[in-house]
Protein backbone atom coordinates (compact mmCIF):
# COMPACT_ATOMS: atom_id res chain seq x y z
CA MET A 1 74.05 116.69 122.97
CA SER A 2 74.15 114.36 119.98
CA ALA A 3 74.21 117.35 117.47
CA THR A 4 77.12 118.71 119.00
CA LEU A 5 79.07 115.47 119.07
CA PRO A 6 80.21 115.58 115.39
CA ALA A 7 81.63 118.75 115.88
CA GLN A 8 83.40 117.80 118.87
CA THR A 9 84.80 114.68 117.21
CA GLN A 10 86.26 116.70 114.19
CA ARG A 11 87.94 119.29 116.58
CA PHE A 12 89.55 116.27 118.45
CA GLN A 13 90.66 114.87 115.34
CA GLU A 14 91.93 117.98 113.77
CA LYS A 15 93.82 118.79 117.41
CA ARG A 16 95.29 115.15 117.24
CA GLU A 17 96.52 115.43 113.67
CA ALA A 18 98.09 118.77 114.51
CA ILE A 19 100.11 117.09 117.42
CA LEU A 20 101.07 114.23 115.42
CA SER A 21 102.31 116.37 112.49
CA ALA A 22 104.30 118.55 115.05
CA ALA A 23 105.76 115.76 116.84
CA ALA A 24 106.77 114.06 113.63
CA ALA A 25 108.80 117.07 112.62
CA LEU A 26 110.47 117.46 116.04
CA PHE A 27 111.13 113.60 116.27
CA ASN A 28 112.74 113.77 112.91
CA GLN A 29 115.03 116.79 114.07
CA HIS A 30 115.94 115.62 117.60
CA GLY A 31 115.11 111.84 117.73
CA VAL A 32 112.82 109.97 119.92
CA LYS A 33 114.88 110.46 122.98
CA GLY A 34 115.66 114.03 122.50
CA ALA A 35 112.34 115.63 121.59
CA THR A 36 110.18 116.57 124.59
CA LEU A 37 106.50 116.80 125.01
CA ALA A 38 106.70 120.25 126.22
CA ASP A 39 108.53 121.08 122.86
CA ILE A 40 106.00 119.40 120.89
CA ALA A 41 102.96 121.16 122.86
CA ALA A 42 104.46 124.56 122.45
CA SER A 43 104.96 124.02 118.71
CA VAL A 44 101.06 123.74 118.57
CA GLY A 45 100.24 126.21 121.00
CA LEU A 46 99.38 124.10 123.81
CA VAL A 47 100.55 122.84 127.26
CA THR A 48 101.97 119.61 128.23
CA ASN A 49 99.09 118.56 129.94
CA SER A 50 96.94 119.27 126.81
CA VAL A 51 99.03 116.81 124.98
CA THR A 52 98.97 114.03 127.24
CA TYR A 53 95.11 114.18 127.26
CA TYR A 54 95.82 112.66 123.84
CA TYR A 55 98.93 110.53 124.34
CA ARG A 56 99.82 109.91 127.91
CA LYS A 57 103.41 109.36 127.36
CA LYS A 58 105.93 110.58 124.83
CA GLU A 59 106.47 106.86 123.85
CA ASP A 60 102.78 106.69 122.96
CA LEU A 61 102.99 109.64 120.82
CA ALA A 62 106.07 108.46 119.03
CA THR A 63 104.58 105.19 118.48
CA ALA A 64 101.51 106.74 116.81
CA CYS A 65 103.69 108.74 114.51
CA PHE A 66 105.52 105.77 113.42
CA LEU A 67 102.21 103.94 112.87
CA ARG A 68 100.85 106.96 110.89
CA ALA A 69 104.09 106.82 108.64
CA ILE A 70 103.94 103.13 108.10
CA GLU A 71 100.39 103.20 107.17
CA VAL A 72 100.89 105.59 104.63
CA PHE A 73 103.88 103.72 103.06
CA ARG A 74 101.83 100.59 103.41
CA ASP A 75 99.27 102.19 101.00
CA ILE A 76 101.82 103.17 98.60
CA ILE A 77 103.17 99.51 98.53
CA ASP A 78 99.65 98.26 98.16
CA GLN A 79 98.84 100.65 95.34
CA ALA A 80 102.05 99.64 93.56
CA SER A 81 101.66 95.85 94.00
CA ALA A 82 98.24 96.06 91.81
CA LYS A 83 100.77 96.80 88.86
CA SER A 84 101.55 93.98 86.54
CA GLY A 85 105.20 93.14 86.57
CA ILE A 86 108.09 94.17 88.53
CA GLU A 87 109.16 97.06 86.52
CA ALA A 88 105.63 98.70 86.70
CA ARG A 89 105.37 97.90 90.27
CA VAL A 90 108.88 99.30 91.20
CA HIS A 91 108.41 102.41 89.19
CA GLU A 92 104.78 103.10 90.62
CA PHE A 93 106.49 102.50 94.18
CA PHE A 94 108.98 105.62 93.62
CA ARG A 95 106.60 107.40 91.65
CA LEU A 96 103.99 107.58 94.40
CA GLN A 97 106.70 108.12 97.14
CA ALA A 98 107.91 111.12 95.26
CA ALA A 99 104.34 112.48 95.07
CA LEU A 100 103.99 111.95 98.60
CA PHE A 101 107.33 113.67 99.53
CA ALA A 102 106.23 116.58 97.02
CA ASP A 103 102.86 116.90 98.99
CA ILE A 104 104.85 117.26 102.11
CA ASP A 105 107.46 119.79 101.11
CA ARG A 106 104.60 121.98 99.60
CA GLY A 107 102.65 121.61 102.79
CA ALA A 108 99.80 119.83 101.03
CA HIS A 109 100.49 116.77 103.26
CA ALA A 110 101.50 116.46 106.94
CA PRO A 111 105.01 115.82 107.98
CA LEU A 112 105.92 111.99 108.67
CA MET A 113 108.11 110.23 110.95
CA GLN A 114 111.19 109.08 109.35
CA PHE A 115 112.39 105.47 110.51
CA ASN A 116 115.96 106.09 111.77
CA ASP A 117 115.06 106.11 115.21
CA MET A 118 112.78 103.34 115.55
CA ARG A 119 114.81 101.08 117.85
CA ALA A 120 114.93 104.04 120.42
CA LEU A 121 111.57 103.07 121.48
CA PRO A 122 111.27 101.12 124.85
CA SER A 123 109.20 97.79 125.16
CA PRO A 124 106.44 97.29 124.43
CA HIS A 125 106.20 100.30 122.10
CA PHE A 126 109.09 98.98 120.02
CA GLU A 127 107.41 95.47 119.46
CA VAL A 128 104.24 97.40 118.30
CA VAL A 129 105.92 99.32 115.67
CA SER A 130 108.48 96.73 114.82
CA ASP A 131 105.34 94.46 114.13
CA ALA A 132 103.95 96.92 111.72
CA TYR A 133 107.34 97.81 110.06
CA ASN A 134 107.82 93.82 109.72
CA ASP A 135 104.47 93.70 108.04
CA MET A 136 105.28 96.53 105.90
CA PHE A 137 108.40 94.86 104.53
CA ARG A 138 106.40 91.51 104.09
CA ARG A 139 104.27 93.63 101.93
CA LEU A 140 107.29 95.07 99.71
CA ARG A 141 108.77 91.47 99.54
CA GLU A 142 105.27 90.50 98.05
CA LEU A 143 105.48 93.38 95.74
CA MET A 144 108.80 91.84 94.49
CA ARG A 145 107.27 88.47 94.34
CA THR A 146 106.65 87.79 90.55
CA PRO A 147 107.22 85.17 87.82
CA GLN A 148 110.20 87.44 87.03
CA THR A 149 111.63 86.88 90.30
CA ALA A 150 110.71 83.15 90.92
CA GLN A 151 114.83 82.46 90.54
CA LEU A 152 115.17 84.14 93.48
CA GLY A 153 115.77 82.10 96.68
CA ARG A 154 114.44 83.39 100.07
CA ALA A 155 117.72 85.16 101.04
CA ASP A 156 118.22 86.87 97.67
CA LEU A 157 114.52 87.99 97.65
CA ALA A 158 114.69 89.49 101.02
CA ALA A 159 117.92 91.39 100.22
CA ARG A 160 116.47 92.83 97.22
CA THR A 161 113.34 93.63 99.24
CA TYR A 162 115.86 95.62 101.82
CA MET A 163 117.69 97.10 99.05
CA LEU A 164 114.38 98.53 97.42
CA LEU A 165 113.32 100.02 100.85
CA SER A 166 116.78 101.32 101.64
CA VAL A 167 116.99 103.05 98.49
CA ALA A 168 113.46 104.32 99.29
CA HIS A 169 114.33 105.65 102.70
CA TRP A 170 117.55 107.39 101.40
CA VAL A 171 115.62 109.40 98.65
CA ARG A 172 113.83 111.30 101.66
CA GLY A 173 116.83 112.81 102.48
CA TRP A 174 118.19 114.20 99.31
CA ILE A 175 115.35 114.85 97.11
CA ASP A 176 114.55 118.21 98.51
CA ARG A 177 117.70 119.41 96.89
CA TYR A 178 115.49 119.55 93.59
CA GLU A 179 112.29 121.30 92.97
CA THR A 180 109.09 119.91 93.97
CA ASP A 181 108.13 120.02 90.25
CA GLU A 182 111.00 117.58 89.57
CA TYR A 183 110.23 114.88 92.08
CA ALA A 184 108.36 112.76 89.45
CA HIS A 185 111.31 112.81 87.25
CA ILE A 186 113.57 112.05 89.97
CA ALA A 187 111.40 109.15 90.80
CA ASP A 188 111.86 107.99 87.20
CA ARG A 189 115.32 107.98 87.12
CA VAL A 190 115.90 106.24 90.71
CA SER A 191 113.28 103.47 89.53
CA ASP A 192 115.48 103.05 86.16
CA ILE A 193 118.76 102.53 88.15
CA VAL A 194 117.12 100.25 90.35
CA ILE A 195 115.32 98.06 87.70
CA ARG A 196 117.99 98.18 85.00
CA GLY A 197 121.29 98.73 87.05
CA SER A 198 124.14 100.85 85.56
CA ALA A 199 126.22 98.67 83.49
CA GLY A 200 127.44 99.69 80.24
CA PRO A 201 127.64 97.31 77.10
CA GLY A 202 130.26 94.65 77.97
CA SER A 203 130.71 95.51 81.68
CA VAL A 204 130.97 92.64 84.01
CA TRP A 205 130.63 92.14 87.85
CA ALA A 206 134.14 91.02 88.64
CA PRO A 207 135.42 91.48 92.44
CA SER A 208 138.83 91.04 92.81
CA GLN A 209 141.05 89.68 95.61
CA ALA A 210 143.12 92.81 96.05
CA GLU A 211 140.19 94.90 96.62
CA ARG A 212 139.09 92.39 99.44
CA GLU A 213 142.18 93.12 100.99
CA TRP A 214 141.94 96.79 101.22
CA ARG A 215 142.32 98.14 104.48
CA LEU A 216 139.79 100.99 105.02
CA THR A 217 141.01 102.17 108.43
CA VAL A 218 143.94 103.59 109.54
CA ASN A 219 143.53 104.32 113.06
CA ASP A 220 145.92 102.09 114.93
CA ASP A 221 144.66 103.27 118.34
CA ALA A 222 142.87 100.01 119.35
CA THR A 223 141.04 101.50 122.40
CA SER A 224 139.79 104.50 120.51
CA GLU A 225 138.45 102.27 117.59
CA ALA A 226 136.68 100.13 119.92
CA PHE A 227 134.79 103.22 121.38
CA LEU A 228 134.13 104.49 117.94
CA ARG A 229 132.54 101.02 116.77
CA ALA A 230 130.55 100.84 119.99
CA ALA A 231 129.20 104.00 119.69
CA SER A 232 128.54 104.01 115.98
CA PHE A 233 126.61 100.67 116.51
CA LEU A 234 124.69 101.80 119.54
CA VAL A 235 123.61 105.32 117.92
CA ASN A 236 122.56 103.21 114.45
CA GLU A 237 120.52 101.20 116.87
CA GLN A 238 119.15 103.44 119.41
CA GLY A 239 119.60 106.84 118.36
CA TYR A 240 121.92 109.38 120.00
CA ARG A 241 119.81 109.66 123.17
CA GLY A 242 119.25 106.19 123.55
CA ALA A 243 123.18 105.53 123.09
CA SER A 244 124.06 106.38 126.58
CA VAL A 245 127.43 106.66 127.99
CA ASP A 246 126.43 103.58 130.12
CA MET A 247 125.38 101.66 127.21
CA ILE A 248 128.69 102.42 125.25
CA SER A 249 130.59 101.36 128.38
CA ALA A 250 128.64 98.20 128.92
CA LYS A 251 129.04 97.22 125.28
CA LEU A 252 132.64 97.17 125.77
CA ASN A 253 132.63 95.81 129.51
CA VAL A 254 134.32 98.86 130.60
CA THR A 255 133.29 101.44 133.68
CA LYS A 256 132.05 104.75 133.14
CA GLY A 257 135.00 106.13 134.42
CA SER A 258 136.91 104.24 131.66
CA PHE A 259 134.83 105.82 129.22
CA TYR A 260 135.61 109.49 130.49
CA HIS A 261 139.43 108.71 130.72
CA HIS A 262 139.42 108.14 126.89
CA ASN A 263 136.69 110.36 125.84
CA ASP A 264 135.90 114.05 126.86
CA ASN A 265 132.20 113.41 126.38
CA LYS A 266 129.57 111.83 124.21
CA GLU A 267 129.08 114.25 121.77
CA ASP A 268 132.74 114.65 120.76
CA LEU A 269 132.93 110.88 120.35
CA ILE A 270 129.76 110.92 117.95
CA SER A 271 131.50 113.47 116.02
CA ASP A 272 134.33 111.67 115.91
CA CYS A 273 132.35 108.75 114.46
CA PHE A 274 131.05 110.97 111.71
CA GLU A 275 134.85 111.69 110.88
CA ARG A 276 135.77 107.95 110.96
CA THR A 277 133.02 107.34 108.67
CA PHE A 278 134.07 109.91 106.32
CA ALA A 279 137.75 108.84 106.49
CA VAL A 280 136.74 105.20 105.47
CA ILE A 281 134.65 106.35 102.66
CA ARG A 282 137.37 108.69 101.39
CA ARG A 283 139.94 105.64 101.73
CA ALA A 284 137.53 103.52 99.50
CA LEU A 285 137.38 106.33 97.00
CA SER A 286 141.17 106.70 97.16
CA LEU A 287 142.05 103.28 96.74
CA ALA A 288 139.68 102.81 93.90
CA GLU A 289 141.69 105.38 92.02
CA GLY A 290 144.46 102.79 91.86
CA ILE A 291 142.49 100.15 90.08
CA ASP A 292 143.54 99.37 86.52
CA GLY A 293 140.27 99.66 85.00
CA LYS A 294 137.18 101.66 83.88
CA GLY A 295 134.64 104.08 85.90
CA TRP A 296 132.33 100.91 86.29
CA ASP A 297 135.26 98.77 87.86
CA ARG A 298 136.06 101.64 90.27
CA ALA A 299 132.29 102.41 91.17
CA CYS A 300 131.56 98.71 92.09
CA ALA A 301 134.75 98.37 94.09
CA ILE A 302 133.92 101.38 95.99
CA SER A 303 130.39 100.09 96.94
CA ARG A 304 131.45 96.61 97.40
CA SER A 305 134.26 97.52 99.90
CA LEU A 306 132.25 99.56 101.93
CA ALA A 307 129.41 97.30 102.21
CA ARG A 308 131.82 94.55 103.39
CA PHE A 309 133.40 96.86 106.04
CA GLN A 310 129.79 97.42 107.33
CA LEU A 311 129.68 93.89 108.15
CA SER A 312 133.13 93.35 109.03
CA PRO A 313 134.46 93.07 112.78
CA GLU A 314 135.67 96.66 112.01
CA GLY A 315 132.18 97.84 111.27
CA PRO A 316 129.90 99.64 111.37
CA LEU A 317 129.91 103.08 109.72
CA LEU A 318 127.65 105.65 111.41
CA ARG A 319 124.28 105.94 109.63
CA LEU A 320 124.45 109.32 107.97
CA GLY A 321 120.78 110.06 109.05
CA ALA A 322 122.27 110.45 112.65
CA THR A 323 123.03 114.27 112.06
CA SER A 324 120.38 114.96 114.72
CA ALA A 325 122.93 113.60 117.26
CA LEU A 326 124.78 116.82 116.97
CA SER A 327 123.46 119.79 119.14
CA ASP A 328 125.63 122.18 117.06
CA PRO A 329 123.87 123.42 114.05
CA ALA A 330 127.14 124.52 112.37
CA ARG A 331 128.56 120.94 113.07
CA ARG A 332 125.47 119.34 111.55
CA SER A 333 125.80 121.61 108.43
CA ASP A 334 129.41 120.63 108.31
CA VAL A 335 128.66 116.99 108.18
CA ARG A 336 125.73 117.53 105.49
CA ARG A 337 128.26 119.42 103.45
CA THR A 338 131.06 116.70 103.86
CA MET A 339 128.48 113.80 102.90
CA SER A 340 127.37 115.83 99.89
CA ARG A 341 130.95 116.36 98.78
CA LEU A 342 131.73 112.52 99.11
CA THR A 343 128.64 111.85 97.09
CA GLU A 344 129.78 114.31 94.27
CA ARG A 345 133.10 112.63 94.28
CA LEU A 346 131.48 109.32 93.65
CA ALA A 347 129.28 110.93 91.09
CA GLY A 348 132.67 111.94 89.19
CA VAL A 349 133.55 108.25 89.16
CA VAL A 350 130.05 107.65 87.53
CA VAL A 351 130.84 110.08 84.92
CA ASP A 352 134.42 108.74 84.07
CA GLY A 353 132.52 105.32 83.46
CA MET A 354 129.97 107.32 81.48
CA MET A 355 132.84 108.78 79.13
CA ASP A 356 134.46 105.44 79.00
CA GLY A 357 131.37 103.38 77.98
CA SER A 358 131.48 101.36 80.94
CA ILE A 359 128.16 102.79 82.60
CA ARG A 360 125.34 103.47 80.72
CA PRO A 361 124.00 107.05 80.35
CA LEU A 362 122.15 108.04 83.58
CA HIS A 363 122.00 110.90 85.94
CA PRO A 364 125.35 110.40 87.64
CA VAL A 365 124.59 112.26 90.98
CA ILE A 366 121.12 110.29 91.27
CA ALA A 367 123.34 107.13 90.64
CA ALA A 368 125.68 108.02 93.26
CA GLN A 369 122.95 108.89 95.92
CA VAL A 370 121.48 105.37 95.19
CA ALA A 371 124.88 103.61 95.60
CA SER A 372 125.19 105.63 99.11
CA GLY A 373 122.00 105.11 100.23
CA LEU A 374 122.84 101.34 99.88
CA VAL A 375 125.98 101.47 101.71
CA ASN A 376 124.58 103.31 104.27
CA SER A 377 122.14 100.76 105.23
CA ALA A 378 124.31 97.72 104.70
CA GLY A 379 124.98 97.50 108.37
CA SER A 380 121.42 96.35 109.45
CA LEU A 381 121.03 93.82 106.42
CA ALA A 382 121.34 90.77 108.73
CA HIS A 383 118.22 92.11 110.65
CA TRP A 384 116.40 91.02 107.24
CA VAL A 385 118.85 88.41 105.82
CA PRO A 386 120.14 86.39 108.84
CA SER A 387 122.62 84.60 106.46
CA ALA A 388 124.23 88.06 105.42
CA THR A 389 127.91 88.08 106.19
CA GLN A 390 130.97 90.12 105.32
CA ASP A 391 131.76 87.61 102.50
CA ASN A 392 128.34 87.40 100.79
CA VAL A 393 127.07 91.06 101.22
CA ALA A 394 128.50 92.34 97.75
CA GLU A 395 127.10 89.58 95.87
CA ILE A 396 123.49 89.51 97.25
CA TYR A 397 123.00 93.26 98.19
CA VAL A 398 125.26 95.22 96.18
CA ARG A 399 125.57 93.54 92.56
CA PRO A 400 121.80 93.75 92.19
CA ILE A 401 121.78 97.60 92.07
CA PHE A 402 124.39 97.59 89.65
CA LEU A 403 123.16 94.91 87.41
CA GLY A 404 119.50 95.44 88.06
CA ILE A 405 117.00 94.07 90.60
CA LEU A 406 116.08 91.36 88.09
CA CYS A 407 119.67 90.12 87.49
CA PRO A 408 120.13 86.17 88.30
CA PRO A 409 121.42 85.23 91.55
CA SER A 410 125.01 85.19 92.10
CA GLN A 411 126.87 81.71 92.12
CA ALA A 412 129.59 83.05 94.12
CA ALA A 413 127.34 83.96 97.33
């Protein structure tokens, strides 16, 4: 009996790893609420009852997927923290992450759960994952804590830690547009922007009052706006399946009947949330064209205004990782293409800045992706920095990505 135990144990571990890998891929595609145990079981040639032998409930399986991903990223953070100095640590953090992504995309490493849908977990599963994720965040904050960052207060250090984490998560969504052999070079460029910022000689951080007064929404239908804001908030927090019609209605203190009076169905509402998000981004890009300044001034103004919008009463924008909310593959592709076009448009502003000398030479598309990832995550900044507001988000969160992660704290925050 004892002679066969190791082989049985190995088979058990192999089957469990296969289930975790398949589940991570399906949860990433359909969300925690959307993926089913039956689909996960079928993807590894099992029946549902076989999966429940390893994980009794879907929530148990999702929790295991999240914890596995957190453990991998925690190991990356710990390895990077062994380096001396913030520049070396940040560079190593992105280098190790890129190597992991390359291994995943080559099939040499199992797929890992993305963190978009974490809040869709019920209690007590959410608390278990949240505690582990918070520990990962604290470890990343310790990576940031060096003599070079001693001048930063608690809020500034937390904001820059969240900035680093936001950029890292965003990289996963676009790095596969490049060859896996290029991932290491992409990591070098991302870390260079995070560490040094993008300012050219003589460029200064100078928010204007006119920019603060930009109106980024043009929808005068207050009821429609209310539903769009509520749905965006809940999808960001709970995922598509978690943001039920009942929850959206309850957030607005209206009946389910009122929801259907104003909206045909939930999926159309979520589709409209994407359109609203794109309209707000386009509006910021268009208003920036009227600035009497250089490319640097326009790029900074775009990012500042969108981050402020995220924490304003008009916010948030729908997280752009929520494309799994759309059941129509063609619609998902449309959304991704639109976001790519908007990122390219922002990259054009960066190119303008490089041509006029206000932005130093760098990879313009990667710089635009870094800024986009920062803005995309700004709506959740208050989870990590309770003092973050519409008034200070640009100074504590956006400014360091443009001036570099080691820039002195803002006196205007």
